[in-house]
C-alpha atoms as a PDB file:
ATOM      1  CA  MET A   1      -0.254   6.021 -12.052  1.00  0.00           C
ATOM      2  CA  ALA A   2      -3.289   3.913 -12.803  1.00  0.00           C
ATOM      3  CA  TRP A   3      -2.708   0.665 -14.656  1.00  0.00           C
ATOM      4  CA  THR A   4      -4.546  -2.573 -15.230  1.00  0.00           C
ATOM      5  CA  PRO A   5      -1.846  -5.221 -15.666  1.00  0.00           C
ATOM      6  CA  ALA A   6      -2.861  -8.106 -17.903  1.00  0.00           C
ATOM      7  CA  PHE A   7      -1.239 -10.823 -15.815  1.00  0.00           C
ATOM      8  CA  ARG A   8      -2.072 -10.285 -12.146  1.00  0.00           C
ATOM      9  CA  ASN A   9      -2.208 -13.811 -10.813  1.00  0.00           C
ATOM     10  CA  ILE A  10      -0.248 -16.288  -8.740  1.00  0.00           C
ATOM     11  CA  GLY A  11       0.594 -19.937  -9.156  1.00  0.00           C
ATOM     12  CA  GLN A  12      -0.571 -22.994  -7.268  1.00  0.00           C
ATOM     13  CA  PRO A  13      -0.963 -22.429  -3.512  1.00  0.00           C
ATOM     14  CA  SER A  14       1.257 -24.367  -1.102  1.00  0.00           C
ATOM     15  CA  ILE A  15      -1.722 -25.524   0.951  1.00  0.00           C
ATOM     16  CA  SER A  16      -5.427 -25.926   0.289  1.00  0.00           C
ATOM     17  CA  VAL A  17      -7.930 -25.172   3.010  1.00  0.00           C
ATOM     18  CA  LYS A  18     -11.627 -25.906   3.014  1.00  0.00           C
ATOM     19  CA  CYS A  19     -13.639 -23.386   4.995  1.00  0.00           C
ATOM     20  CA  VAL A  20     -16.305 -25.270   6.925  1.00  0.00           C
ATOM     21  CA  GLY A  21     -17.638 -22.328   8.881  1.00  0.00           C
ATOM     22  CA  LEU A  22     -17.165 -18.588   9.073  1.00  0.00           C
ATOM     23  CA  THR A  23     -18.472 -16.100  11.602  1.00  0.00           C
ATOM     24  CA  VAL A  24     -18.381 -12.482  10.476  1.00  0.00           C
ATOM     25  CA  ALA A  25     -19.244  -9.565  12.732  1.00  0.00           C
ATOM     26  CA  LYS A  26     -19.284  -5.807  12.275  1.00  0.00           C
ATOM     27  CA  THR A  27     -17.849  -5.119  15.707  1.00  0.00           C
ATOM     28  CA  LEU A  28     -16.394  -7.144  18.534  1.00  0.00           C
ATOM     29  CA  ALA A  29     -19.642  -6.580  20.430  1.00  0.00           C
ATOM     30  CA  ASP A  30     -21.490  -8.571  17.756  1.00  0.00           C
ATOM     31  CA  VAL A  31     -19.229 -11.595  17.916  1.00  0.00           C
ATOM     32  CA  LYS A  32     -20.651 -14.585  19.736  1.00  0.00           C
ATOM     33  CA  TRP A  33     -17.513 -15.615  21.565  1.00  0.00           C
ATOM     34  CA  MET A  34     -15.474 -12.443  22.125  1.00  0.00           C
ATOM     35  CA  SER A  35     -15.520 -10.798  25.547  1.00  0.00           C
ATOM     36  CA  LYS A  36     -16.397  -7.140  26.013  1.00  0.00           C
ATOM     37  CA  SER A  37     -13.417  -6.227  28.170  1.00  0.00           C
ATOM     38  CA  GLY A  38     -11.828  -2.804  28.421  1.00  0.00           C
ATOM     39  CA  PRO A  39     -13.086   0.627  27.374  1.00  0.00           C
ATOM     40  CA  TYR A  40     -12.107  -0.009  23.734  1.00  0.00           C
ATOM     41  CA  TYR A  41     -12.986  -3.692  23.721  1.00  0.00           C
ATOM     42  CA  ASP A  42      -9.388  -4.807  23.949  1.00  0.00           C
ATOM     43  CA  THR A  43      -9.079  -8.498  23.222  1.00  0.00           C
ATOM     44  CA  ASN A  44      -8.407 -10.261  26.526  1.00  0.00           C
ATOM     45  CA  ALA A  45      -6.988 -13.549  25.266  1.00  0.00           C
ATOM     46  CA  GLU A  46      -7.069 -15.189  28.685  1.00  0.00           C
ATOM     47  CA  VAL A  47     -10.848 -14.667  28.869  1.00  0.00           C
ATOM     48  CA  ASP A  48     -11.656 -15.062  25.177  1.00  0.00           C
ATOM     49  CA  PHE A  49     -10.151 -18.545  24.923  1.00  0.00           C
ATOM     50  CA  TYR A  50     -12.928 -19.816  27.199  1.00  0.00           C
ATOM     51  CA  TYR A  51     -15.570 -18.231  24.950  1.00  0.00           C
ATOM     52  CA  MET A  52     -13.871 -19.722  21.899  1.00  0.00           C
ATOM     53  CA  MET A  53     -13.744 -23.208  23.397  1.00  0.00           C
ATOM     54  CA  ALA A  54     -17.476 -23.080  24.063  1.00  0.00           C
ATOM     55  CA  TYR A  55     -18.116 -21.794  20.537  1.00  0.00           C
ATOM     56  CA  ALA A  56     -15.879 -24.392  18.866  1.00  0.00           C
ATOM     57  CA  LYS A  57     -17.240 -27.379  20.796  1.00  0.00           C
ATOM     58  CA  ASP A  58     -18.563 -30.038  18.419  1.00  0.00           C
ATOM     59  CA  LYS A  59     -17.752 -27.815  15.406  1.00  0.00           C
ATOM     60  CA  PRO A  60     -16.201 -29.711  12.434  1.00  0.00           C
ATOM     61  CA  ALA A  61     -13.020 -27.640  12.502  1.00  0.00           C
ATOM     62  CA  ASP A  62      -9.389 -28.681  12.968  1.00  0.00           C
ATOM     63  CA  HIS A  63      -8.450 -25.255  14.227  1.00  0.00           C
ATOM     64  CA  VAL A  64     -10.257 -22.108  15.358  1.00  0.00           C
ATOM     65  CA  MET A  65      -8.371 -18.849  14.825  1.00  0.00           C
ATOM     66  CA  ALA A  66      -9.724 -15.450  15.786  1.00  0.00           C
ATOM     67  CA  PHE A  67      -8.591 -12.236  14.111  1.00  0.00           C
ATOM     68  CA  THR A  68      -9.024  -8.939  15.915  1.00  0.00           C
ATOM     69  CA  ARG A  69      -8.077  -5.352  15.108  1.00  0.00           C
ATOM     70  CA  SER A  70      -8.037  -4.342  18.762  1.00  0.00           C
ATOM     71  CA  ASN A  71      -5.041  -4.770  21.053  1.00  0.00           C
ATOM     72  CA  ILE A  72      -4.457  -8.255  22.399  1.00  0.00           C
ATOM     73  CA  ARG A  73      -3.988  -8.560  26.155  1.00  0.00           C
ATOM     74  CA  PHE A  74      -2.889 -11.611  28.099  1.00  0.00           C
ATOM     75  CA  ASN A  75      -2.795 -11.179  31.861  1.00  0.00           C
ATOM     76  CA  GLU A  76      -1.102  -7.793  32.301  1.00  0.00           C
ATOM     77  CA  ALA A  77       0.741  -7.764  28.981  1.00  0.00           C
ATOM     78  CA  GLY A  78      -0.818  -6.143  25.951  1.00  0.00           C
ATOM     79  CA  SER A  79      -0.750  -3.795  22.964  1.00  0.00           C
ATOM     80  CA  GLU A  80       2.419  -5.311  21.467  1.00  0.00           C
ATOM     81  CA  ILE A  81       1.219  -8.922  21.330  1.00  0.00           C
ATOM     82  CA  ALA A  82       0.924 -10.114  17.722  1.00  0.00           C
ATOM     83  CA  GLY A  83      -0.779 -13.406  18.465  1.00  0.00           C
ATOM     84  CA  VAL A  84      -1.339 -16.063  21.113  1.00  0.00           C
ATOM     85  CA  ALA A  85      -1.959 -19.798  20.837  1.00  0.00           C
ATOM     86  CA  LEU A  86      -2.587 -22.669  23.225  1.00  0.00           C
ATOM     87  CA  PHE A  87      -0.300 -25.693  23.259  1.00  0.00           C
ATOM     88  CA  ALA A  88      -2.885 -28.330  22.532  1.00  0.00           C
ATOM     89  CA  GLY A  89      -2.723 -30.681  19.562  1.00  0.00           C
ATOM     90  CA  ALA A  90      -4.799 -31.950  16.690  1.00  0.00           C
ATOM     91  CA  CYS A  91      -7.035 -34.001  18.983  1.00  0.00           C
ATOM     92  CA  SER A  92      -7.637 -31.410  21.668  1.00  0.00           C
ATOM     93  CA  ASP A  93     -10.592 -29.101  22.152  1.00  0.00           C
ATOM     94  CA  GLN A  94      -8.066 -26.334  22.829  1.00  0.00           C
ATOM     95  CA  ARG A  95      -7.035 -25.992  19.175  1.00  0.00           C
ATOM     96  CA  LEU A  96      -7.320 -22.212  19.396  1.00  0.00           C
ATOM     97  CA  SER A  97      -5.366 -19.071  18.579  1.00  0.00           C
ATOM     98  CA  ILE A  98      -5.946 -15.313  18.390  1.00  0.00           C
ATOM     99  CA  VAL A  99      -4.083 -13.079  15.923  1.00  0.00           C
ATOM    100  CA  LYS A 100      -3.896  -9.297  15.613  1.00  0.00           C
ATOM    101  CA  ASP A 101      -5.346  -8.351  12.215  1.00  0.00           C
ATOM    102  CA  GLU A 102      -2.698  -6.376  10.340  1.00  0.00           C
ATOM    103  CA  GLY A 103      -3.630  -7.517   6.861  1.00  0.00           C
ATOM    104  CA  LEU A 104      -0.993  -9.417   4.908  1.00  0.00           C
ATOM    105  CA  HIS A 105       1.541  -8.768   7.662  1.00  0.00           C
ATOM    106  CA  SER A 106      -0.467 -11.087   9.944  1.00  0.00           C
ATOM    107  CA  TRP A 107       0.088 -14.165   7.797  1.00  0.00           C
ATOM    108  CA  GLY A 108       3.415 -15.050   9.418  1.00  0.00           C
ATOM    109  CA  VAL A 109       1.916 -14.731  12.894  1.00  0.00           C
ATOM    110  CA  ALA A 110      -1.092 -16.818  11.876  1.00  0.00           C
ATOM    111  CA  ARG A 111       1.197 -19.533  10.495  1.00  0.00           C
ATOM    112  CA  THR A 112       3.247 -19.577  13.709  1.00  0.00           C
ATOM    113  CA  SER A 113       0.118 -19.775  15.860  1.00  0.00           C
ATOM    114  CA  TRP A 114      -1.219 -22.653  13.784  1.00  0.00           C
ATOM    115  CA  HIS A 115       2.090 -24.526  14.047  1.00  0.00           C
ATOM    116  CA  THR A 116       2.191 -23.951  17.799  1.00  0.00           C
ATOM    117  CA  VAL A 117      -1.106 -25.764  18.214  1.00  0.00           C
ATOM    118  CA  TRP A 118      -0.481 -28.613  15.777  1.00  0.00           C
ATOM    119  CA  ALA A 119       3.111 -29.263  16.855  1.00  0.00           C
ATOM    120  CA  ARG A 120       1.936 -30.534  20.225  1.00  0.00           C
ATOM    121  CA  THR A 121       1.995 -34.346  20.091  1.00  0.00           C
ATOM    122  CA  THR A 122       1.688 -37.405  22.279  1.00  0.00           C
ATOM    123  CA  THR A 123       5.466 -37.880  22.137  1.00  0.00           C
ATOM    124  CA  THR A 124       8.350 -35.784  23.405  1.00  0.00           C
ATOM    125  CA  THR A 125      10.574 -36.323  20.383  1.00  0.00           C
ATOM    126  CA  SER A 126       8.495 -34.551  17.750  1.00  0.00           C
ATOM    127  CA  HIS A 127       8.341 -30.774  17.569  1.00  0.00           C
ATOM    128  CA  SER A 128       7.142 -30.015  14.066  1.00  0.00           C
ATOM    129  CA  ALA A 129       3.596 -29.367  12.966  1.00  0.00           C
ATOM    130  CA  ARG A 130       3.896 -32.077  10.333  1.00  0.00           C
ATOM    131  CA  ASN A 131       4.952 -34.734  12.852  1.00  0.00           C
ATOM    132  CA  GLY A 132       2.386 -33.452  15.310  1.00  0.00           C
ATOM    133  CA  ALA A 133      -0.411 -34.208  12.886  1.00  0.00           C
ATOM    134  CA  LYS A 134       1.144 -37.530  11.873  1.00  0.00           C
ATOM    135  CA  ASN A 135       1.503 -38.806  15.442  1.00  0.00           C
ATOM    136  CA  ALA A 136      -1.837 -37.530  16.727  1.00  0.00           C
ATOM    137  CA  THR A 137      -3.795 -40.542  17.982  1.00  0.00           C
ATOM    138  CA  CYS A 138      -7.155 -39.281  16.759  1.00  0.00           C
ATOM    139  CA  LEU A 139      -5.837 -38.875  13.213  1.00  0.00           C
ATOM    140  CA  LYS A 140      -4.273 -42.338  12.839  1.00  0.00           C
ATOM    141  CA  SER A 141      -7.669 -43.920  12.282  1.00  0.00           C
ATOM    142  CA  ARG A 142      -8.199 -41.625   9.302  1.00  0.00           C
ATOM    143  CA  GLN A 143      -4.917 -42.388   7.540  1.00  0.00           C
ATOM    144  CA  SER A 144      -6.441 -45.364   5.731  1.00  0.00           C
ATOM    145  CA  THR A 145      -8.987 -43.106   4.062  1.00  0.00           C
ATOM    146  CA  ALA A 146      -8.714 -43.266   0.297  1.00  0.00           C
ATOM    147  CA  LYS A 147      -6.789 -40.402  -1.261  1.00  0.00           C
ATOM    148  CA  ALA A 148      -9.668 -39.746  -3.645  1.00  0.00           C
ATOM    149  CA  VAL A 149     -11.948 -39.056  -0.692  1.00  0.00           C
ATOM    150  CA  LEU A 150      -9.451 -36.701   0.917  1.00  0.00           C
ATOM    151  CA  THR A 151      -8.830 -34.707  -2.241  1.00  0.00           C
ATOM    152  CA  SER A 152     -12.532 -34.460  -3.011  1.00  0.00           C
ATOM    153  CA  ASN A 153     -13.043 -32.643   0.288  1.00  0.00           C
ATOM    154  CA  ALA A 154     -10.327 -30.061  -0.332  1.00  0.00           C
ATOM    155  CA  SER A 155     -10.655 -27.046  -2.577  1.00  0.00           C
ATOM    156  CA  GLU A 156      -7.832 -25.307  -4.427  1.00  0.00           C
ATOM    157  CA  GLY A 157      -6.776 -21.968  -3.024  1.00  0.00           C
ATOM    158  CA  ALA A 158      -7.868 -18.887  -4.936  1.00  0.00           C
ATOM    159  CA  ARG A 159      -5.435 -16.901  -7.070  1.00  0.00           C
ATOM    160  CA  LEU A 160      -4.699 -13.363  -5.929  1.00  0.00           C
ATOM    161  CA  THR A 161      -4.215 -10.322  -8.119  1.00  0.00           C
ATOM    162  CA  LEU A 162      -1.544  -7.775  -7.233  1.00  0.00           C
ATOM    163  CA  ASP A 163      -4.358  -5.404  -6.267  1.00  0.00           C
ATOM    164  CA  GLN A 164      -5.638  -8.007  -3.825  1.00  0.00           C
ATOM    165  CA  VAL A 165      -2.158  -8.436  -2.384  1.00  0.00           C
ATOM    166  CA  CYS A 166      -2.025  -4.690  -1.731  1.00  0.00           C
ATOM    167  CA  ARG A 167      -5.508  -4.762  -0.232  1.00  0.00           C
ATOM    168  CA  LEU A 168      -4.506  -7.532   2.155  1.00  0.00           C
ATOM    169  CA  ALA A 169      -1.234  -5.849   3.074  1.00  0.00           C
ATOM    170  CA  PHE A 170      -2.753  -2.430   3.688  1.00  0.00           C
ATOM    171  CA  PRO A 171      -6.457  -2.931   4.514  1.00  0.00           C
ATOM    172  CA  SER A 172      -7.096   0.762   5.215  1.00  0.00           C
ATOM    173  CA  THR A 173      -5.964   1.869   1.731  1.00  0.00           C
ATOM    174  CA  PRO A 174      -7.716   1.562  -1.666  1.00  0.00           C
ATOM    175  CA  GLY A 175      -5.660  -1.544  -2.354  1.00  0.00           C
ATOM    176  CA  HIS A 176      -4.063  -0.648  -5.682  1.00  0.00           C
ATOM    177  CA  PHE A 177      -0.822  -2.026  -7.065  1.00  0.00           C
ATOM    178  CA  TYR A 178       1.490   0.851  -8.025  1.00  0.00           C
ATOM    179  CA  LEU A 179       3.625   0.208 -11.091  1.00  0.00           C
ATOM    180  CA  GLN A 180       7.090   1.659 -10.495  1.00  0.00           C
ATOM    181  CA  THR A 181       9.219   2.845 -13.398  1.00  0.00           C
ATOM    182  CA  ALA A 182      11.747   0.106 -12.631  1.00  0.00           C
ATOM    183  CA  SER A 183       9.065  -2.560 -12.916  1.00  0.00           C
ATOM    184  CA  LEU A 184       7.716  -1.045 -16.124  1.00  0.00           C
ATOM    185  CA  MET A 185      11.145  -1.293 -17.730  1.00  0.00           C
ATOM    186  CA  THR A 186      12.088  -4.601 -16.085  1.00  0.00           C
ATOM    187  CA  PRO A 187       9.091  -6.761 -15.082  1.00  0.00           C
ATOM    188  CA  ALA A 188      11.395  -9.101 -13.139  1.00  0.00           C
ATOM    189  CA  ALA A 189      11.799  -6.324 -10.558  1.00  0.00           C
ATOM    190  CA  ILE A 190       8.338  -6.983  -9.114  1.00  0.00           C
ATOM    191  CA  CYS A 191       9.499 -10.351  -7.784  1.00  0.00           C
ATOM    192  CA  ALA A 192      11.726  -8.635  -5.238  1.00  0.00           C
ATOM    193  CA  LYS A 193       9.532  -5.643  -4.511  1.00  0.00           C
ATOM    194  CA  ILE A 194       6.104  -4.302  -5.402  1.00  0.00           C
ATOM    195  CA  HIS A 195       4.547  -1.116  -4.105  1.00  0.00           C
ATOM    196  CA  CYS A 196       0.977  -0.211  -3.254  1.00  0.00           C
ATOM    197  CA  SER A 197      -0.892   3.086  -3.543  1.00  0.00           C
ATOM    198  CA  LEU A 198      -2.014   4.745  -0.331  1.00  0.00           C
ATOM    199  CA  THR A 199      -4.461   7.092  -2.065  1.00  0.00           C
ATOM    200  CA  GLU A 200      -7.404   6.600  -4.403  1.00  0.00           C
ATOM    201  CA  LEU A 201      -5.683   8.565  -7.191  1.00  0.00           C
ATOM    202  CA  ALA A 202      -3.042   5.847  -7.499  1.00  0.00           C
ATOM    203  CA  LEU A 203      -0.345   8.467  -7.946  1.00  0.00           C
ATOM    204  CA  LYS A 204       1.411   9.406  -4.702  1.00  0.00           C
ATOM    205  CA  PRO A 205       2.060   8.728  -1.915  1.00  0.00           C
ATOM    206  CA  VAL A 206       2.920   5.076  -2.267  1.00  0.00           C
ATOM    207  CA  THR A 207       4.238   2.579   0.227  1.00  0.00           C
ATOM    208  CA  LYS A 208       7.900   3.098   1.042  1.00  0.00           C
ATOM    209  CA  SER A 209       8.553  -0.515   1.974  1.00  0.00           C
ATOM    210  CA  GLY A 210       7.941  -2.975  -0.822  1.00  0.00           C
ATOM    211  CA  LEU A 211       6.449  -6.459  -0.783  1.00  0.00           C
ATOM    212  CA  ARG A 212       7.467  -9.507  -2.770  1.00  0.00           C
ATOM    213  CA  ALA A 213       5.170 -10.395  -5.611  1.00  0.00           C
ATOM    214  CA  PRO A 214       3.271 -13.640  -4.906  1.00  0.00           C
ATOM    215  CA  VAL A 215       4.869 -16.857  -6.083  1.00  0.00           C
ATOM    216  CA  GLY A 216       3.839 -17.578  -9.651  1.00  0.00           C
ATOM    217  CA  THR A 217       3.358 -13.935 -10.681  1.00  0.00           C
ATOM    218  CA  PRO A 218       4.458 -13.614 -14.348  1.00  0.00           C
ATOM    219  CA  CYS A 219       7.582 -11.483 -14.629  1.00  0.00           C
ATOM    220  CA  GLY A 220       8.504 -11.885 -18.282  1.00  0.00           C
ATOM    221  CA  ASN A 221       8.100 -14.194 -21.246  1.00  0.00           C
ATOM    222  CA  LYS A 222       7.394 -17.666 -19.803  1.00  0.00           C
ATOM    223  CA  ARG A 223       8.896 -16.571 -16.506  1.00  0.00           C
ATOM    224  CA  SER A 224       7.424 -16.212 -13.015  1.00  0.00           C
ATOM    225  CA  CYS A 225       8.462 -15.273  -9.485  1.00  0.00           C
ATOM    226  CA  ASN A 226       9.730 -18.069  -7.236  1.00  0.00           C
ATOM    227  CA  TRP A 227       9.772 -18.457  -3.454  1.00  0.00           C
ATOM    228  CA  ASN A 228      13.095 -16.596  -3.200  1.00  0.00           C
ATOM    229  CA  GLY A 229      11.793 -13.460  -4.887  1.00  0.00           C
ATOM    230  CA  GLN A 230      13.585 -14.239  -8.149  1.00  0.00           C
ATOM    231  CA  CYS A 231      12.256 -14.277 -11.702  1.00  0.00           C
ATOM    232  CA  THR A 232      12.859 -17.749 -13.128  1.00  0.00           C
ATOM    233  CA  ALA A 233      11.823 -19.779 -16.171  1.00  0.00           C
ATOM    234  CA  ASP A 234       8.301 -21.211 -15.938  1.00  0.00           C
ATOM    235  CA  SER A 235       6.744 -23.100 -18.844  1.00  0.00           C
ATOM    236  CA  ALA A 236       3.282 -22.610 -17.316  1.00  0.00           C
ATOM    237  CA  ALA A 237       3.607 -18.810 -17.286  1.00  0.00           C
ATOM    238  CA  PRO A 238       2.005 -16.826 -20.130  1.00  0.00           C
ATOM    239  CA  SER A 239       3.937 -15.462 -23.069  1.00  0.00           C
ATOM    240  CA  ALA A 240       4.579 -11.761 -22.585  1.00  0.00           C
ATOM    241  CA  GLY A 241       3.986  -9.428 -25.493  1.00  0.00           C
ATOM    242  CA  SER A 242       4.078  -5.653 -25.856  1.00  0.00           C
ATOM    243  CA  SER A 243       1.016  -5.368 -23.592  1.00  0.00           C
ATOM    244  CA  PHE A 244       2.530  -7.286 -20.682  1.00  0.00           C
ATOM    245  CA  TRP A 245       1.278  -4.706 -18.162  1.00  0.00           C
ATOM    246  CA  GLY A 246      -2.066  -4.192 -19.865  1.00  0.00           C
ATOM    247  CA  GLN A 247      -3.435  -0.868 -21.062  1.00  0.00           C
ATOM    248  CA  PRO A 248      -2.967   2.311 -18.984  1.00  0.00           C
ATOM    249  CA  VAL A 249      -6.156   3.713 -17.479  1.00  0.00           C
ATOM    250  CA  GLY A 250      -6.700   7.427 -16.806  1.00  0.00           C
ATOM    251  CA  ILE A 251      -3.958   9.983 -16.234  1.00  0.00           C
ATOM    252  CA  PHE A 252      -0.601   8.581 -15.254  1.00  0.00           C
ATOM    253  CA  THR A 253       2.948   9.821 -14.857  1.00  0.00           C
ATOM    254  CA  LEU A 254       6.325   8.151 -14.662  1.00  0.00           C
END
């Protein structure tokens, strides 16, 4: 089935991040701070952290996170490691983490790695990332900064289409949202589960395990998906007419 839904967007992001620097490489061998260990360039986290610290020194970044599609090794352990992070803190030069790149499935690991670093504080009573940032000595001097200045330096997160969600979740596939019959009849069904096409034809096969639609995805007339995967009333959502899913493109079957 090939469709072009009319309302493929999400609502406001929960956090805004300003990218101050990005290093992109075709292979691990091209990256400035990744080691060339192992016959298949496995990521040796124990070694790579030293390269990353040298790379990140004096960079205007609060955190440096590396993504790799090779296996992550730490000491003798490897292949099943999803991510590693150093207990450091907001003021430390060791604000580093390495995450295995598995598309959208890596987001939870990335979030955990980020929290691990930022949760480290100067006190022993605080264990959350929020309190870690609040109690960090180097950040206290910045708390008097005017809110207008802070907000002017942050950019709103981009809105994702359902195709982009599929592309992030399954990077080796065409990245097409597959409209199930259940979703066609009941748009609210996409809040709990959406499917992605594994082939360019957008017919079959499709992913067996579904994903939740992003928060804010329209799921009916003035309704959108919430954080719990439910379709709820949303005055900011568009009005849904007969062309809610857009016009079908090409040959499709139900």
